[in-house]
Amino acid sequence: MTLDDHFFNRPLCKASLDYCIGWIFFILGYCFIISIVLANPVKIDYGPNKKIVEGILILGGCFLVTIFARCMCYKKRQDEEYLLSDNNEIRFYTEE
């Protein structure tokens, strides 16, 4: 599966732990980015275009949170067979 398939052709919501963690990170990350930029706890001077700079910072932060949250849902394909599989069978690695 390519990254293009993963980001654009996969479902947005699925009943799995990876998707649940991704959605929680997505929502909390958005809330954190927006509240930190608007509260400005380190008293950064945004200049005369305060609203525009805040908007750019919020959009940039939310974009990064979106990418990280989607990557949390990414599941790698298992290429190797492990000694103990999901159903407790013992499998040995064989070359084909």
PDB file of N, CA and C in Angstrom:
ATOM      1  N   MET A   1       0.849  -1.175   0.000  1.00  0.00           N
ATOM      2  CA  MET A   1       0.000   0.000   0.000  1.00  0.00           C
ATOM      3  C   MET A   1       0.899   1.243   0.000  1.00  0.00           C
ATOM      4  N   THR A   2       0.637   2.137  -0.911  1.00  0.00           N
ATOM      5  CA  THR A   2       1.415   3.362  -0.986  1.00  0.00           C
ATOM      6  C   THR A   2       0.828   4.399  -0.027  1.00  0.00           C
ATOM      7  N   LEU A   3       1.595   5.447   0.228  1.00  0.00           N
ATOM      8  CA  LEU A   3       1.094   6.510   1.100  1.00  0.00           C
ATOM      9  C   LEU A   3      -0.093   7.218   0.470  1.00  0.00           C
ATOM     10  N   ASP A   4      -0.100   7.305  -0.853  1.00  0.00           N
ATOM     11  CA  ASP A   4      -1.236   7.914  -1.544  1.00  0.00           C
ATOM     12  C   ASP A   4      -2.511   7.117  -1.276  1.00  0.00           C
ATOM     13  N   ASP A   5      -2.417   5.802  -1.362  1.00  0.00           N
ATOM     14  CA  ASP A   5      -3.576   4.960  -1.048  1.00  0.00           C
ATOM     15  C   ASP A   5      -4.004   5.131   0.401  1.00  0.00           C
ATOM     16  N   HIS A   6      -3.022   5.221   1.291  1.00  0.00           N
ATOM     17  CA  HIS A   6      -3.338   5.326   2.717  1.00  0.00           C
ATOM     18  C   HIS A   6      -4.027   6.645   3.060  1.00  0.00           C
ATOM     19  N   PHE A   7      -3.492   7.757   2.562  1.00  0.00           N
ATOM     20  CA  PHE A   7      -4.021   9.061   2.953  1.00  0.00           C
ATOM     21  C   PHE A   7      -5.337   9.403   2.264  1.00  0.00           C
ATOM     22  N   PHE A   8      -5.541   8.945   1.040  1.00  0.00           N
ATOM     23  CA  PHE A   8      -6.696   9.410   0.285  1.00  0.00           C
ATOM     24  C   PHE A   8      -7.748   8.338   0.002  1.00  0.00           C
ATOM     25  N   ASN A   9      -7.402   7.072   0.097  1.00  0.00           N
ATOM     26  CA  ASN A   9      -8.344   6.021  -0.265  1.00  0.00           C
ATOM     27  C   ASN A   9      -8.778   5.151   0.903  1.00  0.00           C
ATOM     28  N   ARG A  10      -8.292   5.387   2.083  1.00  0.00           N
ATOM     29  CA  ARG A  10      -8.672   4.615   3.263  1.00  0.00           C
ATOM     30  C   ARG A  10      -9.842   5.289   3.968  1.00  0.00           C
ATOM     31  N   PRO A  11     -10.603   4.545   4.768  1.00  0.00           N
ATOM     32  CA  PRO A  11     -11.735   5.147   5.478  1.00  0.00           C
ATOM     33  C   PRO A  11     -11.264   6.120   6.569  1.00  0.00           C
ATOM     34  N   LEU A  12     -12.094   7.119   6.842  1.00  0.00           N
ATOM     35  CA  LEU A  12     -11.754   8.090   7.883  1.00  0.00           C
ATOM     36  C   LEU A  12     -12.030   7.552   9.282  1.00  0.00           C
ATOM     37  N   CYS A  13     -12.938   6.612   9.382  1.00  0.00           N
ATOM     38  CA  CYS A  13     -13.297   6.079  10.686  1.00  0.00           C
ATOM     39  C   CYS A  13     -13.489   4.570  10.578  1.00  0.00           C
ATOM     40  N   LYS A  14     -12.908   3.853  11.523  1.00  0.00           N
ATOM     41  CA  LYS A  14     -13.008   2.408  11.543  1.00  0.00           C
ATOM     42  C   LYS A  14     -12.933   1.976  13.007  1.00  0.00           C
ATOM     43  N   ALA A  15     -13.583   0.881  13.347  1.00  0.00           N
ATOM     44  CA  ALA A  15     -13.604   0.415  14.731  1.00  0.00           C
ATOM     45  C   ALA A  15     -12.310  -0.329  15.045  1.00  0.00           C
ATOM     46  N   SER A  16     -11.255   0.427  15.373  1.00  0.00           N
ATOM     47  CA  SER A  16      -9.995  -0.173  15.789  1.00  0.00           C
ATOM     48  C   SER A  16      -9.293   0.763  16.758  1.00  0.00           C
ATOM     49  N   LEU A  17      -8.372   0.216  17.510  1.00  0.00           N
ATOM     50  CA  LEU A  17      -7.656   1.001  18.510  1.00  0.00           C
ATOM     51  C   LEU A  17      -6.798   2.081  17.856  1.00  0.00           C
ATOM     52  N   ASP A  18      -6.176   1.766  16.723  1.00  0.00           N
ATOM     53  CA  ASP A  18      -5.337   2.748  16.034  1.00  0.00           C
ATOM     54  C   ASP A  18      -6.147   3.977  15.618  1.00  0.00           C
ATOM     55  N   TYR A  19      -7.323   3.755  15.070  1.00  0.00           N
ATOM     56  CA  TYR A  19      -8.165   4.875  14.651  1.00  0.00           C
ATOM     57  C   TYR A  19      -8.679   5.658  15.855  1.00  0.00           C
ATOM     58  N   CYS A  20      -9.004   4.972  16.941  1.00  0.00           N
ATOM     59  CA  CYS A  20      -9.470   5.654  18.152  1.00  0.00           C
ATOM     60  C   CYS A  20      -8.375   6.569  18.711  1.00  0.00           C
ATOM     61  N   ILE A  21      -7.159   6.066  18.791  1.00  0.00           N
ATOM     62  CA  ILE A  21      -6.045   6.878  19.275  1.00  0.00           C
ATOM     63  C   ILE A  21      -5.794   8.042  18.328  1.00  0.00           C
ATOM     64  N   GLY A  22      -5.871   7.792  17.025  1.00  0.00           N
ATOM     65  CA  GLY A  22      -5.679   8.856  16.042  1.00  0.00           C
ATOM     66  C   GLY A  22      -6.713   9.965  16.172  1.00  0.00           C
ATOM     67  N   TRP A  23      -7.982   9.606  16.357  1.00  0.00           N
ATOM     68  CA  TRP A  23      -9.044  10.617  16.501  1.00  0.00           C
ATOM     69  C   TRP A  23      -8.898  11.394  17.807  1.00  0.00           C
ATOM     70  N   ILE A  24      -8.532  10.726  18.885  1.00  0.00           N
ATOM     71  CA  ILE A  24      -8.324  11.444  20.157  1.00  0.00           C
ATOM     72  C   ILE A  24      -7.169  12.423  20.018  1.00  0.00           C
ATOM     73  N   PHE A  25      -6.061  11.988  19.406  1.00  0.00           N
ATOM     74  CA  PHE A  25      -4.933  12.882  19.179  1.00  0.00           C
ATOM     75  C   PHE A  25      -5.340  14.048  18.281  1.00  0.00           C
ATOM     76  N   PHE A  26      -6.142  13.773  17.262  1.00  0.00           N
ATOM     77  CA  PHE A  26      -6.598  14.802  16.327  1.00  0.00           C
ATOM     78  C   PHE A  26      -7.396  15.886  17.050  1.00  0.00           C
ATOM     79  N   ILE A  27      -8.371  15.485  17.840  1.00  0.00           N
ATOM     80  CA  ILE A  27      -9.236  16.454  18.531  1.00  0.00           C
ATOM     81  C   ILE A  27      -8.465  17.217  19.606  1.00  0.00           C
ATOM     82  N   LEU A  28      -7.705  16.501  20.434  1.00  0.00           N
ATOM     83  CA  LEU A  28      -6.936  17.174  21.485  1.00  0.00           C
ATOM     84  C   LEU A  28      -5.827  18.047  20.902  1.00  0.00           C
ATOM     85  N   GLY A  29      -5.227  17.612  19.801  1.00  0.00           N
ATOM     86  CA  GLY A  29      -4.184  18.411  19.156  1.00  0.00           C
ATOM     87  C   GLY A  29      -4.729  19.714  18.608  1.00  0.00           C
ATOM     88  N   TYR A  30      -5.893  19.657  17.958  1.00  0.00           N
ATOM     89  CA  TYR A  30      -6.522  20.886  17.471  1.00  0.00           C
ATOM     90  C   TYR A  30      -6.833  21.833  18.628  1.00  0.00           C
ATOM     91  N   CYS A  31      -7.421  21.298  19.684  1.00  0.00           N
ATOM     92  CA  CYS A  31      -7.753  22.140  20.849  1.00  0.00           C
ATOM     93  C   CYS A  31      -6.497  22.768  21.446  1.00  0.00           C
ATOM     94  N   PHE A  32      -5.439  21.985  21.558  1.00  0.00           N
ATOM     95  CA  PHE A  32      -4.189  22.489  22.134  1.00  0.00           C
ATOM     96  C   PHE A  32      -3.577  23.576  21.261  1.00  0.00           C
ATOM     97  N   ILE A  33      -3.477  23.343  19.960  1.00  0.00           N
ATOM     98  CA  ILE A  33      -2.873  24.334  19.057  1.00  0.00           C
ATOM     99  C   ILE A  33      -3.660  25.639  19.075  1.00  0.00           C
ATOM    100  N   ILE A  34      -4.966  25.545  18.953  1.00  0.00           N
ATOM    101  CA  ILE A  34      -5.791  26.756  18.916  1.00  0.00           C
ATOM    102  C   ILE A  34      -5.709  27.516  20.230  1.00  0.00           C
ATOM    103  N   SER A  35      -5.781  26.806  21.351  1.00  0.00           N
ATOM    104  CA  SER A  35      -5.745  27.504  22.645  1.00  0.00           C
ATOM    105  C   SER A  35      -4.380  28.116  22.931  1.00  0.00           C
ATOM    106  N   ILE A  36      -3.300  27.442  22.560  1.00  0.00           N
ATOM    107  CA  ILE A  36      -1.956  27.998  22.803  1.00  0.00           C
ATOM    108  C   ILE A  36      -1.724  29.234  21.943  1.00  0.00           C
ATOM    109  N   VAL A  37      -2.118  29.190  20.676  1.00  0.00           N
ATOM    110  CA  VAL A  37      -1.899  30.353  19.809  1.00  0.00           C
ATOM    111  C   VAL A  37      -2.751  31.532  20.261  1.00  0.00           C
ATOM    112  N   LEU A  38      -4.006  31.287  20.623  1.00  0.00           N
ATOM    113  CA  LEU A  38      -4.882  32.389  21.017  1.00  0.00           C
ATOM    114  C   LEU A  38      -4.552  32.925  22.410  1.00  0.00           C
ATOM    115  N   ALA A  39      -4.140  32.056  23.338  1.00  0.00           N
ATOM    116  CA  ALA A  39      -3.811  32.518  24.691  1.00  0.00           C
ATOM    117  C   ALA A  39      -2.458  33.221  24.733  1.00  0.00           C
ATOM    118  N   ASN A  40      -1.537  32.831  23.841  1.00  0.00           N
ATOM    119  CA  ASN A  40      -0.205  33.436  23.745  1.00  0.00           C
ATOM    120  C   ASN A  40       0.490  33.507  25.113  1.00  0.00           C
ATOM    121  N   PRO A  41       0.781  32.352  25.732  1.00  0.00           N
ATOM    122  CA  PRO A  41       1.358  32.362  27.078  1.00  0.00           C
ATOM    123  C   PRO A  41       2.785  32.901  27.143  1.00  0.00           C
ATOM    124  N   VAL A  42       3.518  32.894  26.038  1.00  0.00           N
ATOM    125  CA  VAL A  42       4.891  33.403  26.059  1.00  0.00           C
ATOM    126  C   VAL A  42       4.965  34.855  25.587  1.00  0.00           C
ATOM    127  N   LYS A  43       3.816  35.473  25.373  1.00  0.00           N
ATOM    128  CA  LYS A  43       3.695  36.900  25.013  1.00  0.00           C
ATOM    129  C   LYS A  43       4.505  37.267  23.772  1.00  0.00           C
ATOM    130  N   ILE A  44       4.316  36.502  22.704  1.00  0.00           N
ATOM    131  CA  ILE A  44       4.968  36.805  21.425  1.00  0.00           C
ATOM    132  C   ILE A  44       4.260  37.992  20.782  1.00  0.00           C
ATOM    133  N   ASP A  45       5.049  38.951  20.279  1.00  0.00           N
ATOM    134  CA  ASP A  45       4.476  40.103  19.589  1.00  0.00           C
ATOM    135  C   ASP A  45       4.258  39.728  18.131  1.00  0.00           C
ATOM    136  N   TYR A  46       2.997  39.638  17.729  1.00  0.00           N
ATOM    137  CA  TYR A  46       2.664  39.243  16.371  1.00  0.00           C
ATOM    138  C   TYR A  46       2.721  40.411  15.388  1.00  0.00           C
ATOM    139  N   GLY A  47       2.893  41.600  15.852  1.00  0.00           N
ATOM    140  CA  GLY A  47       2.976  42.760  14.979  1.00  0.00           C
ATOM    141  C   GLY A  47       1.614  43.340  14.659  1.00  0.00           C
ATOM    142  N   PRO A  48       1.548  44.186  13.632  1.00  0.00           N
ATOM    143  CA  PRO A  48       0.282  44.849  13.304  1.00  0.00           C
ATOM    144  C   PRO A  48      -0.764  43.900  12.702  1.00  0.00           C
ATOM    145  N   ASN A  49      -0.330  42.803  12.136  1.00  0.00           N
ATOM    146  CA  ASN A  49      -1.253  41.842  11.525  1.00  0.00           C
ATOM    147  C   ASN A  49      -1.461  40.653  12.444  1.00  0.00           C
ATOM    148  N   LYS A  50      -1.890  40.933  13.663  1.00  0.00           N
ATOM    149  CA  LYS A  50      -1.999  39.898  14.686  1.00  0.00           C
ATOM    150  C   LYS A  50      -2.940  38.765  14.270  1.00  0.00           C
ATOM    151  N   LYS A  51      -4.107  39.087  13.763  1.00  0.00           N
ATOM    152  CA  LYS A  51      -5.100  38.064  13.397  1.00  0.00           C
ATOM    153  C   LYS A  51      -4.603  37.179  12.248  1.00  0.00           C
ATOM    154  N   ILE A  52      -3.910  37.780  11.283  1.00  0.00           N
ATOM    155  CA  ILE A  52      -3.403  37.005  10.155  1.00  0.00           C
ATOM    156  C   ILE A  52      -2.304  36.052  10.614  1.00  0.00           C
ATOM    157  N   VAL A  53      -1.395  36.530  11.440  1.00  0.00           N
ATOM    158  CA  VAL A  53      -0.309  35.682  11.943  1.00  0.00           C
ATOM    159  C   VAL A  53      -0.864  34.561  12.807  1.00  0.00           C
ATOM    160  N   GLU A  54      -1.837  34.882  13.662  1.00  0.00           N
ATOM    161  CA  GLU A  54      -2.463  33.834  14.470  1.00  0.00           C
ATOM    162  C   GLU A  54      -3.142  32.789  13.583  1.00  0.00           C
ATOM    163  N   GLY A  55      -3.827  33.247  12.541  1.00  0.00           N
ATOM    164  CA  GLY A  55      -4.484  32.324  11.618  1.00  0.00           C
ATOM    165  C   GLY A  55      -3.496  31.421  10.906  1.00  0.00           C
ATOM    166  N   ILE A  56      -2.369  31.983  10.475  1.00  0.00           N
ATOM    167  CA  ILE A  56      -1.348  31.174   9.802  1.00  0.00           C
ATOM    168  C   ILE A  56      -0.760  30.147  10.760  1.00  0.00           C
ATOM    169  N   LEU A  57      -0.482  30.549  11.992  1.00  0.00           N
ATOM    170  CA  LEU A  57       0.059  29.600  12.982  1.00  0.00           C
ATOM    171  C   LEU A  57      -0.947  28.494  13.312  1.00  0.00           C
ATOM    172  N   ILE A  58      -2.216  28.859  13.433  1.00  0.00           N
ATOM    173  CA  ILE A  58      -3.245  27.858  13.726  1.00  0.00           C
ATOM    174  C   ILE A  58      -3.389  26.890  12.555  1.00  0.00           C
ATOM    175  N   LEU A  59      -3.432  27.413  11.324  1.00  0.00           N
ATOM    176  CA  LEU A  59      -3.560  26.538  10.159  1.00  0.00           C
ATOM    177  C   LEU A  59      -2.347  25.619  10.003  1.00  0.00           C
ATOM    178  N   GLY A  60      -1.149  26.147  10.226  1.00  0.00           N
ATOM    179  CA  GLY A  60       0.061  25.324  10.138  1.00  0.00           C
ATOM    180  C   GLY A  60       0.099  24.243  11.205  1.00  0.00           C
ATOM    181  N   GLY A  61      -0.245  24.614  12.434  1.00  0.00           N
ATOM    182  CA  GLY A  61      -0.270  23.631  13.518  1.00  0.00           C
ATOM    183  C   GLY A  61      -1.331  22.566  13.303  1.00  0.00           C
ATOM    184  N   CYS A  62      -2.498  22.977  12.847  1.00  0.00           N
ATOM    185  CA  CYS A  62      -3.571  22.008  12.593  1.00  0.00           C
ATOM    186  C   CYS A  62      -3.229  21.087  11.429  1.00  0.00           C
ATOM    187  N   PHE A  63      -2.514  21.598  10.433  1.00  0.00           N
ATOM    188  CA  PHE A  63      -2.071  20.750   9.331  1.00  0.00           C
ATOM    189  C   PHE A  63      -1.121  19.664   9.839  1.00  0.00           C
ATOM    190  N   LEU A  64      -0.165  20.042  10.690  1.00  0.00           N
ATOM    191  CA  LEU A  64       0.770  19.056  11.238  1.00  0.00           C
ATOM    192  C   LEU A  64       0.052  18.034  12.113  1.00  0.00           C
ATOM    193  N   VAL A  65      -0.889  18.492  12.929  1.00  0.00           N
ATOM    194  CA  VAL A  65      -1.657  17.565  13.770  1.00  0.00           C
ATOM    195  C   VAL A  65      -2.446  16.594  12.896  1.00  0.00           C
ATOM    196  N   THR A  66      -3.011  17.086  11.797  1.00  0.00           N
ATOM    197  CA  THR A  66      -3.770  16.222  10.893  1.00  0.00           C
ATOM    198  C   THR A  66      -2.878  15.141  10.285  1.00  0.00           C
ATOM    199  N   ILE A  67      -1.689  15.510   9.835  1.00  0.00           N
ATOM    200  CA  ILE A  67      -0.767  14.534   9.243  1.00  0.00           C
ATOM    201  C   ILE A  67      -0.356  13.495  10.282  1.00  0.00           C
ATOM    202  N   PHE A  68       0.014  13.931  11.498  1.00  0.00           N
ATOM    203  CA  PHE A  68       0.424  12.983  12.543  1.00  0.00           C
ATOM    204  C   PHE A  68      -0.721  12.067  12.945  1.00  0.00           C
ATOM    205  N   ALA A  69      -1.931  12.616  13.047  1.00  0.00           N
ATOM    206  CA  ALA A  69      -3.082  11.790  13.436  1.00  0.00           C
ATOM    207  C   ALA A  69      -3.374  10.740  12.371  1.00  0.00           C
ATOM    208  N   ARG A  70      -3.241  11.115  11.111  1.00  0.00           N
ATOM    209  CA  ARG A  70      -3.486  10.134  10.046  1.00  0.00           C
ATOM    210  C   ARG A  70      -2.393   9.069  10.021  1.00  0.00           C
ATOM    211  N   CYS A  71      -1.172   9.445  10.331  1.00  0.00           N
ATOM    212  CA  CYS A  71      -0.082   8.469  10.376  1.00  0.00           C
ATOM    213  C   CYS A  71      -0.261   7.479  11.529  1.00  0.00           C
ATOM    214  N   MET A  72      -0.959   7.877  12.574  1.00  0.00           N
ATOM    215  CA  MET A  72      -1.220   6.953  13.678  1.00  0.00           C
ATOM    216  C   MET A  72      -2.133   5.818  13.233  1.00  0.00           C
ATOM    217  N   CYS A  73      -2.929   6.045  12.215  1.00  0.00           N
ATOM    218  CA  CYS A  73      -3.842   5.012  11.711  1.00  0.00           C
ATOM    219  C   CYS A  73      -3.170   4.101  10.700  1.00  0.00           C
ATOM    220  N   TYR A  74      -1.947   4.417  10.332  1.00  0.00           N
ATOM    221  CA  TYR A  74      -1.232   3.645   9.313  1.00  0.00           C
ATOM    222  C   TYR A  74      -0.756   2.328   9.898  1.00  0.00           C
ATOM    223  N   LYS A  75      -1.067   1.247   9.231  1.00  0.00           N
ATOM    224  CA  LYS A  75      -0.656  -0.065   9.697  1.00  0.00           C
ATOM    225  C   LYS A  75       0.230  -0.706   8.640  1.00  0.00           C
ATOM    226  N   LYS A  76       1.444  -1.077   9.049  1.00  0.00           N
ATOM    227  CA  LYS A  76       2.360  -1.703   8.109  1.00  0.00           C
ATOM    228  C   LYS A  76       1.958  -3.135   7.845  1.00  0.00           C
ATOM    229  N   ARG A  77       2.223  -3.546   6.645  1.00  0.00           N
ATOM    230  CA  ARG A  77       1.956  -4.920   6.255  1.00  0.00           C
ATOM    231  C   ARG A  77       3.059  -5.805   6.832  1.00  0.00           C
ATOM    232  N   GLN A  78       2.699  -6.967   7.342  1.00  0.00           N
ATOM    233  CA  GLN A  78       3.693  -7.878   7.890  1.00  0.00           C
ATOM    234  C   GLN A  78       4.258  -8.720   6.761  1.00  0.00           C
ATOM    235  N   ASP A  79       5.559  -8.545   6.495  1.00  0.00           N
ATOM    236  CA  ASP A  79       6.202  -9.292   5.432  1.00  0.00           C
ATOM    237  C   ASP A  79       6.780 -10.613   5.934  1.00  0.00           C
ATOM    238  N   GLU A  80       7.142 -10.649   7.207  1.00  0.00           N
ATOM    239  CA  GLU A  80       7.751 -11.851   7.749  1.00  0.00           C
ATOM    240  C   GLU A  80       6.727 -12.630   8.558  1.00  0.00           C
ATOM    241  N   GLU A  81       6.906 -13.893   8.576  1.00  0.00           N
ATOM    242  CA  GLU A  81       6.073 -14.722   9.426  1.00  0.00           C
ATOM    243  C   GLU A  81       6.805 -14.898  10.749  1.00  0.00           C
ATOM    244  N   TYR A  82       6.122 -14.632  11.829  1.00  0.00           N
ATOM    245  CA  TYR A  82       6.750 -14.724  13.131  1.00  0.00           C
ATOM    246  C   TYR A  82       6.598 -16.132  13.692  1.00  0.00           C
ATOM    247  N   LEU A  83       7.416 -16.426  14.682  1.00  0.00           N
ATOM    248  CA  LEU A  83       7.390 -17.756  15.278  1.00  0.00           C
ATOM    249  C   LEU A  83       6.050 -18.034  15.937  1.00  0.00           C
ATOM    250  N   LEU A  84       5.494 -17.054  16.636  1.00  0.00           N
ATOM    251  CA  LEU A  84       4.163 -17.192  17.227  1.00  0.00           C
ATOM    252  C   LEU A  84       3.223 -16.242  16.505  1.00  0.00           C
ATOM    253  N   SER A  85       2.195 -16.767  15.917  1.00  0.00           N
ATOM    254  CA  SER A  85       1.251 -15.925  15.189  1.00  0.00           C
ATOM    255  C   SER A  85       0.068 -15.584  16.091  1.00  0.00           C
ATOM    256  N   ASP A  86      -0.941 -14.930  15.516  1.00  0.00           N
ATOM    257  CA  ASP A  86      -2.099 -14.493  16.299  1.00  0.00           C
ATOM    258  C   ASP A  86      -2.907 -15.653  16.867  1.00  0.00           C
ATOM    259  N   ASN A  87      -2.925 -16.781  16.185  1.00  0.00           N
ATOM    260  CA  ASN A  87      -3.728 -17.894  16.661  1.00  0.00           C
ATOM    261  C   ASN A  87      -2.881 -18.978  17.335  1.00  0.00           C
ATOM    262  N   ASN A  88      -1.708 -18.595  17.831  1.00  0.00           N
ATOM    263  CA  ASN A  88      -0.794 -19.450  18.589  1.00  0.00           C
ATOM    264  C   ASN A  88      -0.241 -20.628  17.797  1.00  0.00           C
ATOM    265  N   GLU A  89      -0.275 -20.565  16.483  1.00  0.00           N
ATOM    266  CA  GLU A  89       0.410 -21.566  15.681  1.00  0.00           C
ATOM    267  C   GLU A  89       1.882 -21.230  15.628  1.00  0.00           C
ATOM    268  N   ILE A  90       2.703 -22.234  15.589  1.00  0.00           N
ATOM    269  CA  ILE A  90       4.133 -22.012  15.436  1.00  0.00           C
ATOM    270  C   ILE A  90       4.453 -22.080  13.955  1.00  0.00           C
ATOM    271  N   ARG A  91       4.956 -20.963  13.441  1.00  0.00           N
ATOM    272  CA  ARG A  91       5.318 -20.895  12.034  1.00  0.00           C
ATOM    273  C   ARG A  91       6.810 -20.637  11.938  1.00  0.00           C
ATOM    274  N   PHE A  92       7.404 -21.165  10.921  1.00  0.00           N
ATOM    275  CA  PHE A  92       8.807 -20.941  10.691  1.00  0.00           C
ATOM    276  C   PHE A  92       8.967 -20.127   9.412  1.00  0.00           C
ATOM    277  N   TYR A  93       9.983 -19.278   9.405  1.00  0.00           N
ATOM    278  CA  TYR A  93      10.232 -18.444   8.232  1.00  0.00           C
ATOM    279  C   TYR A  93      10.772 -19.325   7.113  1.00  0.00           C
ATOM    280  N   THR A  94      10.111 -19.292   5.996  1.00  0.00           N
ATOM    281  CA  THR A  94      10.567 -20.059   4.844  1.00  0.00           C
ATOM    282  C   THR A  94      10.719 -19.136   3.657  1.00  0.00           C
ATOM    283  N   GLU A  95      11.746 -19.378   2.878  1.00  0.00           N
ATOM    284  CA  GLU A  95      11.947 -18.575   1.674  1.00  0.00           C
ATOM    285  C   GLU A  95      11.235 -19.226   0.520  1.00  0.00           C
ATOM    286  N   GLU A  96      10.601 -18.413  -0.263  1.00  0.00           N
ATOM    287  CA  GLU A  96       9.866 -18.967  -1.402  1.00  0.00           C
ATOM    288  C   GLU A  96      10.635 -18.786  -2.672  1.00  0.00           C
TER     289      GLU A  96
END
